[in-house]
Amino acid sequence: MDYGMISKIEKAKIYAEERDRIQFESLRVRIQGDNTEAPHLVSYDNGSWNCDCSFFASRGVCSHTMAMERILANMVEIG
């Protein structure tokens, strides 16, 4: 491995530890739920969550979006 790559790996470690450097603008993930064969599509866009499940459609929040908020704790702005 060359010196340039080593320095990039070290810089990546610093960035990963200093989470205040990172700001999510948008994100799309699929989460496999317990009640369906197909995974649910969860998205985040500029502070707003969305999910294709029926619970989210009626309440504006669901276990899938709450799980993502936990995973990304303090890394996304919750609108």
N, C-alpha and C. Protein backbone atom coordinates (compact mmCIF):
# COMPACT_ATOMS: atom_id res chain seq x y z
N MET A 1 0.86 -1.17 0.00
CA MET A 1 0.00 0.00 0.00
C MET A 1 0.91 1.23 0.00
N ASP A 2 0.54 2.23 -0.83
CA ASP A 2 1.40 3.41 -0.92
C ASP A 2 1.06 4.44 0.16
N TYR A 3 1.96 5.38 0.35
CA TYR A 3 1.81 6.39 1.39
C TYR A 3 0.53 7.22 1.21
N GLY A 4 0.20 7.54 -0.04
CA GLY A 4 -1.02 8.31 -0.31
C GLY A 4 -2.26 7.61 0.20
N MET A 5 -2.36 6.31 -0.02
CA MET A 5 -3.53 5.55 0.43
C MET A 5 -3.55 5.46 1.95
N ILE A 6 -2.41 5.28 2.57
CA ILE A 6 -2.34 5.21 4.04
C ILE A 6 -2.84 6.51 4.65
N SER A 7 -2.44 7.65 4.09
CA SER A 7 -2.89 8.93 4.64
C SER A 7 -4.40 9.10 4.45
N LYS A 8 -4.96 8.60 3.35
CA LYS A 8 -6.41 8.69 3.12
C LYS A 8 -7.18 7.82 4.11
N ILE A 9 -6.65 6.66 4.42
CA ILE A 9 -7.29 5.78 5.41
C ILE A 9 -7.29 6.44 6.77
N GLU A 10 -6.18 7.05 7.15
CA GLU A 10 -6.10 7.74 8.43
C GLU A 10 -7.09 8.91 8.48
N LYS A 11 -7.19 9.66 7.40
CA LYS A 11 -8.12 10.78 7.33
C LYS A 11 -9.56 10.28 7.44
N ALA A 12 -9.86 9.17 6.80
CA ALA A 12 -11.20 8.59 6.88
C ALA A 12 -11.56 8.21 8.31
N LYS A 13 -10.61 7.67 9.04
CA LYS A 13 -10.85 7.32 10.45
C LYS A 13 -11.19 8.55 11.26
N ILE A 14 -10.48 9.66 11.02
CA ILE A 14 -10.75 10.91 11.73
C ILE A 14 -12.14 11.41 11.40
N TYR A 15 -12.49 11.45 10.11
CA TYR A 15 -13.82 11.90 9.70
C TYR A 15 -14.92 11.05 10.35
N ALA A 16 -14.73 9.75 10.39
CA ALA A 16 -15.73 8.85 10.96
C ALA A 16 -15.92 9.09 12.46
N GLU A 17 -14.86 9.46 13.14
CA GLU A 17 -14.94 9.72 14.58
C GLU A 17 -15.53 11.09 14.89
N GLU A 18 -15.34 12.04 14.02
CA GLU A 18 -15.82 13.40 14.23
C GLU A 18 -17.13 13.58 13.46
N ARG A 19 -18.18 13.00 14.00
CA ARG A 19 -19.46 12.93 13.29
C ARG A 19 -20.10 14.28 13.02
N ASP A 20 -19.68 15.32 13.73
CA ASP A 20 -20.24 16.64 13.47
C ASP A 20 -19.81 17.18 12.11
N ARG A 21 -18.86 16.52 11.47
CA ARG A 21 -18.43 16.89 10.12
C ARG A 21 -19.44 16.44 9.06
N ILE A 22 -20.27 15.47 9.43
CA ILE A 22 -21.15 14.81 8.47
C ILE A 22 -22.57 15.32 8.61
N GLN A 23 -23.19 15.66 7.50
CA GLN A 23 -24.58 16.12 7.49
C GLN A 23 -25.32 15.40 6.37
N PHE A 24 -26.29 14.60 6.74
CA PHE A 24 -27.09 13.88 5.75
C PHE A 24 -28.08 14.84 5.10
N GLU A 25 -28.19 14.78 3.79
CA GLU A 25 -29.20 15.54 3.07
C GLU A 25 -30.31 14.61 2.58
N SER A 26 -29.92 13.47 2.05
CA SER A 26 -30.91 12.50 1.62
C SER A 26 -30.33 11.09 1.74
N LEU A 27 -31.27 10.14 1.82
CA LEU A 27 -30.87 8.76 2.07
C LEU A 27 -32.05 7.87 1.70
N ARG A 28 -31.77 6.71 1.12
CA ARG A 28 -32.81 5.70 0.84
C ARG A 28 -32.29 4.35 1.29
N VAL A 29 -33.10 3.65 2.04
CA VAL A 29 -32.74 2.30 2.49
C VAL A 29 -33.95 1.39 2.39
N ARG A 30 -33.69 0.12 2.37
CA ARG A 30 -34.75 -0.88 2.44
C ARG A 30 -34.60 -1.62 3.77
N ILE A 31 -35.73 -1.77 4.46
CA ILE A 31 -35.74 -2.46 5.75
C ILE A 31 -36.70 -3.63 5.65
N GLN A 32 -36.20 -4.81 5.96
CA GLN A 32 -37.04 -6.00 5.96
C GLN A 32 -37.87 -6.03 7.23
N GLY A 33 -39.17 -5.90 7.09
CA GLY A 33 -40.06 -5.95 8.24
C GLY A 33 -40.43 -7.38 8.60
N ASP A 34 -41.23 -7.52 9.63
CA ASP A 34 -41.67 -8.85 10.08
C ASP A 34 -42.93 -9.32 9.36
N ASN A 35 -43.73 -8.40 8.82
CA ASN A 35 -45.06 -8.76 8.34
C ASN A 35 -45.20 -8.88 6.83
N THR A 36 -44.16 -8.63 6.08
CA THR A 36 -44.25 -8.72 4.62
C THR A 36 -43.01 -9.40 4.06
N GLU A 37 -43.15 -9.97 2.89
CA GLU A 37 -41.99 -10.58 2.23
C GLU A 37 -41.09 -9.51 1.64
N ALA A 38 -41.69 -8.46 1.08
CA ALA A 38 -40.91 -7.40 0.45
C ALA A 38 -40.44 -6.40 1.51
N PRO A 39 -39.23 -5.90 1.39
CA PRO A 39 -38.76 -4.90 2.36
C PRO A 39 -39.46 -3.56 2.14
N HIS A 40 -39.48 -2.74 3.18
CA HIS A 40 -40.07 -1.40 3.10
C HIS A 40 -39.01 -0.42 2.64
N LEU A 41 -39.41 0.53 1.83
CA LEU A 41 -38.51 1.58 1.36
C LEU A 41 -38.66 2.78 2.29
N VAL A 42 -37.55 3.14 2.93
CA VAL A 42 -37.51 4.28 3.85
C VAL A 42 -36.59 5.33 3.23
N SER A 43 -37.05 6.57 3.26
CA SER A 43 -36.21 7.64 2.72
C SER A 43 -36.15 8.81 3.68
N TYR A 44 -35.08 9.57 3.55
CA TYR A 44 -34.86 10.78 4.33
C TYR A 44 -34.46 11.86 3.35
N ASP A 45 -35.11 13.02 3.45
CA ASP A 45 -34.78 14.12 2.55
C ASP A 45 -34.92 15.43 3.30
N ASN A 46 -33.79 16.08 3.52
CA ASN A 46 -33.75 17.40 4.16
C ASN A 46 -34.64 17.51 5.40
N GLY A 47 -34.46 16.57 6.33
CA GLY A 47 -35.15 16.63 7.60
C GLY A 47 -36.47 15.89 7.67
N SER A 48 -36.92 15.30 6.58
CA SER A 48 -38.21 14.61 6.57
C SER A 48 -38.04 13.13 6.22
N TRP A 49 -38.66 12.29 7.02
CA TRP A 49 -38.67 10.85 6.77
C TRP A 49 -39.89 10.47 5.96
N ASN A 50 -39.79 9.35 5.24
CA ASN A 50 -40.93 8.78 4.54
C ASN A 50 -40.75 7.26 4.52
N CYS A 51 -41.85 6.54 4.55
CA CYS A 51 -41.82 5.08 4.47
C CYS A 51 -43.04 4.64 3.67
N ASP A 52 -42.90 3.55 2.94
CA ASP A 52 -44.01 3.08 2.12
C ASP A 52 -44.99 2.18 2.88
N CYS A 53 -44.81 2.02 4.19
CA CYS A 53 -45.74 1.16 4.94
C CYS A 53 -47.02 1.92 5.27
N SER A 54 -48.09 1.15 5.52
CA SER A 54 -49.40 1.75 5.79
C SER A 54 -49.43 2.50 7.12
N PHE A 55 -48.67 2.05 8.10
CA PHE A 55 -48.66 2.74 9.40
C PHE A 55 -48.10 4.15 9.23
N PHE A 56 -47.01 4.29 8.46
CA PHE A 56 -46.45 5.62 8.23
C PHE A 56 -47.46 6.50 7.50
N ALA A 57 -48.18 5.93 6.56
CA ALA A 57 -49.17 6.70 5.79
C ALA A 57 -50.23 7.31 6.70
N SER A 58 -50.60 6.61 7.76
CA SER A 58 -51.65 7.12 8.64
C SER A 58 -51.11 7.93 9.83
N ARG A 59 -49.85 7.71 10.22
CA ARG A 59 -49.32 8.37 11.42
C ARG A 59 -48.15 9.31 11.18
N GLY A 60 -47.49 9.18 10.03
CA GLY A 60 -46.33 10.03 9.75
C GLY A 60 -45.07 9.59 10.46
N VAL A 61 -45.11 8.42 11.08
CA VAL A 61 -43.96 7.81 11.74
C VAL A 61 -44.22 6.32 11.82
N CYS A 62 -43.18 5.52 11.86
CA CYS A 62 -43.36 4.06 11.96
C CYS A 62 -42.10 3.44 12.55
N SER A 63 -42.16 2.15 12.78
CA SER A 63 -41.01 1.45 13.37
C SER A 63 -39.80 1.51 12.44
N HIS A 64 -40.04 1.57 11.15
CA HIS A 64 -38.94 1.60 10.18
C HIS A 64 -38.19 2.93 10.24
N THR A 65 -38.94 4.04 10.29
CA THR A 65 -38.29 5.35 10.38
C THR A 65 -37.65 5.55 11.75
N MET A 66 -38.30 5.05 12.79
CA MET A 66 -37.73 5.18 14.14
C MET A 66 -36.45 4.36 14.25
N ALA A 67 -36.40 3.20 13.59
CA ALA A 67 -35.18 2.39 13.61
C ALA A 67 -34.03 3.16 12.95
N MET A 68 -34.32 3.81 11.83
CA MET A 68 -33.28 4.58 11.15
C MET A 68 -32.81 5.77 11.99
N GLU A 69 -33.73 6.40 12.71
CA GLU A 69 -33.34 7.49 13.60
C GLU A 69 -32.40 6.98 14.69
N ARG A 70 -32.66 5.78 15.19
CA ARG A 70 -31.78 5.20 16.21
C ARG A 70 -30.41 4.86 15.62
N ILE A 71 -30.41 4.28 14.43
CA ILE A 71 -29.15 3.92 13.79
C ILE A 71 -28.30 5.15 13.52
N LEU A 72 -28.94 6.22 13.09
CA LEU A 72 -28.23 7.45 12.73
C LEU A 72 -28.26 8.48 13.86
N ALA A 73 -28.36 8.01 15.08
CA ALA A 73 -28.50 8.87 16.26
C ALA A 73 -27.64 10.13 16.16
N ASN A 74 -28.31 11.26 16.27
CA ASN A 74 -27.69 12.58 16.25
C ASN A 74 -26.96 12.92 14.95
N MET A 75 -27.20 12.15 13.90
CA MET A 75 -26.55 12.43 12.63
C MET A 75 -27.51 12.98 11.59
N VAL A 76 -28.81 12.93 11.87
CA VAL A 76 -29.79 13.50 10.96
C VAL A 76 -30.64 14.50 11.73
N GLU A 77 -31.07 15.52 11.03
CA GLU A 77 -31.97 16.51 11.60
C GLU A 77 -33.37 15.96 11.48
N ILE A 78 -34.09 15.93 12.59
CA ILE A 78 -35.45 15.41 12.56
C ILE A 78 -36.41 16.58 12.45
N GLY A 79 -37.13 16.60 11.32
CA GLY A 79 -38.02 17.74 11.04
C GLY A 79 -39.42 17.53 11.48
